[in-house]
Amino acid sequence: FVTGRAGNFLRSIEEQWGTLMFFCDVGSGGRNKDYEKLAIFGTIRGRRGAELLVLSAVETKVPGYYSKIRDDVLHRDKGKDESGTWGTD
C-alpha cells in the first residue's frame, strides 16, 4: 500500500531517518486487511520522523484515516519509563 515499488518508499524513509522498518504479521490475511502494523526501529526522533512520513502517505491515499487513529498516535507515549524511551534505545 505505501511500500512503493519493491519497498523503495520505505527504504528511502529508513535512509532519511536512520531507521529500520518492516511489516508485522506478513502473510496472514492478504491484502484485504484494513491495516498492517509497521515496526519502526531507531532513535525516538528517527521513529517519529519515519512515522509521520508514513502517516502522511497513508493519509494521501486514504483521506480521513489519521482522524480515525489520532488518539492512539497522540497518546502512545503514555506510560514511558523514566528515560523517556520505553527502555528500547
N, C-alpha and C. Protein backbone atom coordinates (compact mmCIF):
# COMPACT_ATOMS: atom_id res chain seq x y z
N PHE A 1 0.82 -1.20 0.00
CA PHE A 1 0.00 0.00 0.00
C PHE A 1 0.86 1.25 0.00
N VAL A 2 1.78 1.37 0.95
CA VAL A 2 2.67 2.54 0.95
C VAL A 2 4.13 2.13 0.80
N THR A 3 4.37 0.89 0.44
CA THR A 3 5.76 0.44 0.36
C THR A 3 6.48 0.97 -0.86
N GLY A 4 5.74 1.23 -1.93
CA GLY A 4 6.37 1.66 -3.17
C GLY A 4 6.89 0.46 -3.94
N ARG A 5 7.40 0.70 -5.10
CA ARG A 5 7.92 -0.38 -5.95
C ARG A 5 9.10 -1.06 -5.26
N ALA A 6 8.96 -2.35 -4.99
CA ALA A 6 9.99 -3.16 -4.34
C ALA A 6 10.41 -2.58 -2.99
N GLY A 7 9.50 -1.87 -2.31
CA GLY A 7 9.80 -1.32 -1.00
C GLY A 7 10.63 -0.06 -1.02
N ASN A 8 10.78 0.57 -2.18
CA ASN A 8 11.65 1.74 -2.29
C ASN A 8 11.21 2.91 -1.43
N PHE A 9 9.91 3.13 -1.28
CA PHE A 9 9.43 4.25 -0.47
C PHE A 9 9.86 4.08 0.99
N LEU A 10 9.63 2.89 1.53
CA LEU A 10 10.02 2.66 2.93
C LEU A 10 11.53 2.70 3.09
N ARG A 11 12.27 2.15 2.12
CA ARG A 11 13.73 2.18 2.21
C ARG A 11 14.26 3.61 2.19
N SER A 12 13.63 4.49 1.41
CA SER A 12 14.07 5.89 1.38
C SER A 12 13.80 6.58 2.71
N ILE A 13 12.70 6.24 3.37
CA ILE A 13 12.42 6.79 4.69
C ILE A 13 13.43 6.26 5.70
N GLU A 14 13.74 4.98 5.63
CA GLU A 14 14.75 4.40 6.52
C GLU A 14 16.08 5.14 6.39
N GLU A 15 16.47 5.39 5.17
CA GLU A 15 17.74 6.08 4.93
C GLU A 15 17.68 7.52 5.46
N GLN A 16 16.58 8.19 5.22
CA GLN A 16 16.43 9.59 5.64
C GLN A 16 16.46 9.74 7.16
N TRP A 17 15.81 8.81 7.88
CA TRP A 17 15.67 8.94 9.33
C TRP A 17 16.54 7.99 10.12
N GLY A 18 17.35 7.16 9.46
CA GLY A 18 18.23 6.24 10.17
C GLY A 18 17.47 5.19 10.95
N THR A 19 16.43 4.63 10.33
CA THR A 19 15.58 3.64 10.99
C THR A 19 15.61 2.32 10.23
N LEU A 20 15.00 1.33 10.82
CA LEU A 20 14.76 0.04 10.18
C LEU A 20 13.26 -0.22 10.32
N MET A 21 12.59 -0.49 9.21
CA MET A 21 11.14 -0.69 9.24
C MET A 21 10.77 -1.99 8.54
N PHE A 22 9.79 -2.68 9.11
CA PHE A 22 9.23 -3.84 8.43
C PHE A 22 7.81 -4.07 8.94
N PHE A 23 7.01 -4.74 8.13
CA PHE A 23 5.63 -5.03 8.48
C PHE A 23 5.57 -6.28 9.34
N CYS A 24 4.73 -6.25 10.35
CA CYS A 24 4.50 -7.41 11.23
C CYS A 24 3.35 -8.23 10.65
N ASP A 25 3.27 -9.48 11.00
CA ASP A 25 2.19 -10.36 10.56
C ASP A 25 2.11 -10.51 9.05
N VAL A 26 3.23 -10.50 8.38
CA VAL A 26 3.24 -10.68 6.93
C VAL A 26 2.77 -12.08 6.60
N GLY A 27 1.92 -12.20 5.62
CA GLY A 27 1.44 -13.50 5.16
C GLY A 27 0.19 -13.99 5.87
N SER A 28 -0.34 -13.21 6.78
CA SER A 28 -1.54 -13.67 7.48
C SER A 28 -2.73 -12.78 7.14
N GLY A 29 -3.41 -13.09 6.07
CA GLY A 29 -4.62 -12.34 5.77
C GLY A 29 -4.65 -11.69 4.40
N GLY A 30 -3.52 -11.54 3.76
CA GLY A 30 -3.51 -10.97 2.42
C GLY A 30 -3.73 -9.47 2.39
N ARG A 31 -4.13 -8.96 1.24
CA ARG A 31 -4.25 -7.52 1.03
C ARG A 31 -5.59 -6.93 1.45
N ASN A 32 -6.50 -7.73 1.95
CA ASN A 32 -7.84 -7.24 2.27
C ASN A 32 -7.98 -6.73 3.70
N LYS A 33 -6.88 -6.58 4.43
CA LYS A 33 -6.94 -6.08 5.79
C LYS A 33 -7.12 -4.58 5.79
N ASP A 34 -7.73 -4.05 6.86
CA ASP A 34 -7.90 -2.61 7.00
C ASP A 34 -6.57 -1.91 7.24
N TYR A 35 -5.66 -2.59 7.91
CA TYR A 35 -4.35 -2.01 8.20
C TYR A 35 -3.34 -3.11 8.46
N GLU A 36 -2.07 -2.76 8.42
CA GLU A 36 -0.99 -3.65 8.81
C GLU A 36 -0.12 -2.91 9.79
N LYS A 37 0.42 -3.61 10.77
CA LYS A 37 1.31 -2.99 11.73
C LYS A 37 2.69 -2.86 11.12
N LEU A 38 3.27 -1.67 11.27
CA LEU A 38 4.61 -1.39 10.77
C LEU A 38 5.52 -1.17 11.97
N ALA A 39 6.54 -2.00 12.10
CA ALA A 39 7.51 -1.85 13.19
C ALA A 39 8.59 -0.88 12.71
N ILE A 40 8.90 0.11 13.54
CA ILE A 40 9.92 1.10 13.20
C ILE A 40 10.95 1.11 14.33
N PHE A 41 12.19 0.79 14.00
CA PHE A 41 13.28 0.76 14.98
C PHE A 41 14.25 1.88 14.70
N GLY A 42 14.77 2.47 15.77
CA GLY A 42 15.73 3.55 15.67
C GLY A 42 15.59 4.47 16.87
N THR A 43 16.18 5.65 16.79
CA THR A 43 16.05 6.62 17.87
C THR A 43 14.61 7.11 17.93
N ILE A 44 14.24 7.73 19.03
CA ILE A 44 12.88 8.25 19.15
C ILE A 44 12.63 9.26 18.03
N ARG A 45 13.58 10.16 17.80
CA ARG A 45 13.42 11.17 16.75
C ARG A 45 13.26 10.52 15.38
N GLY A 46 14.09 9.51 15.11
CA GLY A 46 14.00 8.80 13.84
C GLY A 46 12.69 8.07 13.66
N ARG A 47 12.25 7.40 14.74
CA ARG A 47 10.97 6.68 14.67
C ARG A 47 9.82 7.62 14.42
N ARG A 48 9.81 8.76 15.11
CA ARG A 48 8.72 9.72 14.92
C ARG A 48 8.74 10.34 13.53
N GLY A 49 9.92 10.68 13.04
CA GLY A 49 10.02 11.25 11.69
C GLY A 49 9.54 10.28 10.63
N ALA A 50 9.97 9.02 10.76
CA ALA A 50 9.55 7.99 9.81
C ALA A 50 8.04 7.76 9.91
N GLU A 51 7.54 7.72 11.14
CA GLU A 51 6.11 7.51 11.35
C GLU A 51 5.29 8.62 10.68
N LEU A 52 5.73 9.86 10.84
CA LEU A 52 4.99 10.99 10.24
C LEU A 52 4.97 10.90 8.72
N LEU A 53 6.08 10.51 8.11
CA LEU A 53 6.10 10.37 6.65
C LEU A 53 5.18 9.24 6.19
N VAL A 54 5.18 8.12 6.90
CA VAL A 54 4.30 7.01 6.53
C VAL A 54 2.84 7.42 6.72
N LEU A 55 2.52 8.06 7.85
CA LEU A 55 1.14 8.51 8.08
C LEU A 55 0.70 9.50 7.02
N SER A 56 1.60 10.36 6.60
CA SER A 56 1.28 11.32 5.55
C SER A 56 0.96 10.60 4.24
N ALA A 57 1.75 9.58 3.91
CA ALA A 57 1.50 8.82 2.69
C ALA A 57 0.16 8.09 2.75
N VAL A 58 -0.14 7.51 3.91
CA VAL A 58 -1.42 6.80 4.07
C VAL A 58 -2.57 7.79 3.96
N GLU A 59 -2.43 8.94 4.60
CA GLU A 59 -3.49 9.95 4.57
C GLU A 59 -3.74 10.44 3.14
N THR A 60 -2.69 10.52 2.34
CA THR A 60 -2.84 10.92 0.94
C THR A 60 -3.65 9.89 0.17
N LYS A 61 -3.40 8.61 0.45
CA LYS A 61 -4.11 7.55 -0.27
C LYS A 61 -5.49 7.25 0.30
N VAL A 62 -5.66 7.48 1.61
CA VAL A 62 -6.94 7.20 2.28
C VAL A 62 -7.30 8.43 3.13
N PRO A 63 -7.85 9.46 2.52
CA PRO A 63 -8.19 10.68 3.27
C PRO A 63 -9.11 10.36 4.46
N GLY A 64 -8.77 10.95 5.61
CA GLY A 64 -9.54 10.72 6.82
C GLY A 64 -9.03 9.61 7.71
N TYR A 65 -8.03 8.85 7.24
CA TYR A 65 -7.51 7.73 8.03
C TYR A 65 -6.92 8.22 9.35
N TYR A 66 -6.13 9.29 9.28
CA TYR A 66 -5.49 9.78 10.50
C TYR A 66 -6.51 10.17 11.57
N SER A 67 -7.61 10.77 11.17
CA SER A 67 -8.61 11.18 12.17
C SER A 67 -9.17 9.97 12.93
N LYS A 68 -9.16 8.79 12.30
CA LYS A 68 -9.63 7.58 12.98
C LYS A 68 -8.65 7.10 14.04
N ILE A 69 -7.35 7.32 13.82
CA ILE A 69 -6.33 6.79 14.74
C ILE A 69 -5.64 7.88 15.54
N ARG A 70 -6.11 9.11 15.43
CA ARG A 70 -5.46 10.26 16.05
C ARG A 70 -5.19 10.06 17.53
N ASP A 71 -6.16 9.63 18.30
CA ASP A 71 -5.97 9.47 19.74
C ASP A 71 -4.91 8.42 20.06
N ASP A 72 -4.86 7.35 19.30
CA ASP A 72 -3.82 6.33 19.51
C ASP A 72 -2.44 6.91 19.27
N VAL A 73 -2.29 7.70 18.23
CA VAL A 73 -0.99 8.28 17.89
C VAL A 73 -0.57 9.31 18.94
N LEU A 74 -1.48 10.17 19.32
CA LEU A 74 -1.14 11.25 20.26
C LEU A 74 -0.83 10.75 21.66
N HIS A 75 -1.44 9.64 22.07
CA HIS A 75 -1.28 9.17 23.45
C HIS A 75 -0.39 7.93 23.55
N ARG A 76 0.33 7.59 22.52
CA ARG A 76 1.14 6.37 22.57
C ARG A 76 2.32 6.47 23.52
N ASP A 77 2.76 7.68 23.86
CA ASP A 77 3.89 7.82 24.77
C ASP A 77 3.49 7.68 26.24
N LYS A 78 2.22 7.58 26.51
CA LYS A 78 1.75 7.41 27.88
C LYS A 78 2.32 6.11 28.44
N GLY A 79 2.94 6.19 29.61
CA GLY A 79 3.49 5.00 30.24
C GLY A 79 4.96 4.75 29.94
N LYS A 80 5.63 5.73 29.32
CA LYS A 80 7.06 5.57 29.08
C LYS A 80 7.81 5.43 30.41
N ASP A 81 8.98 4.84 30.35
CA ASP A 81 9.79 4.77 31.56
C ASP A 81 10.47 6.11 31.81
N GLU A 82 11.24 6.22 32.92
CA GLU A 82 11.83 7.50 33.29
C GLU A 82 12.84 8.02 32.28
N SER A 83 13.40 7.16 31.45
CA SER A 83 14.35 7.61 30.44
C SER A 83 13.63 8.22 29.24
N GLY A 84 12.31 8.01 29.15
CA GLY A 84 11.53 8.54 28.05
C GLY A 84 11.66 7.74 26.77
N THR A 85 12.16 6.51 26.87
CA THR A 85 12.42 5.73 25.66
C THR A 85 11.77 4.35 25.67
N TRP A 86 10.93 4.06 26.61
CA TRP A 86 10.36 2.72 26.78
C TRP A 86 11.45 1.68 27.03
N GLY A 87 12.67 2.12 27.34
CA GLY A 87 13.78 1.22 27.60
C GLY A 87 14.29 0.52 26.36
N THR A 88 14.06 1.08 25.17
CA THR A 88 14.45 0.38 23.94
C THR A 88 15.64 1.00 23.25
N ASP A 89 16.06 2.19 23.59
CA ASP A 89 17.18 2.83 22.90
C ASP A 89 18.49 2.55 23.60
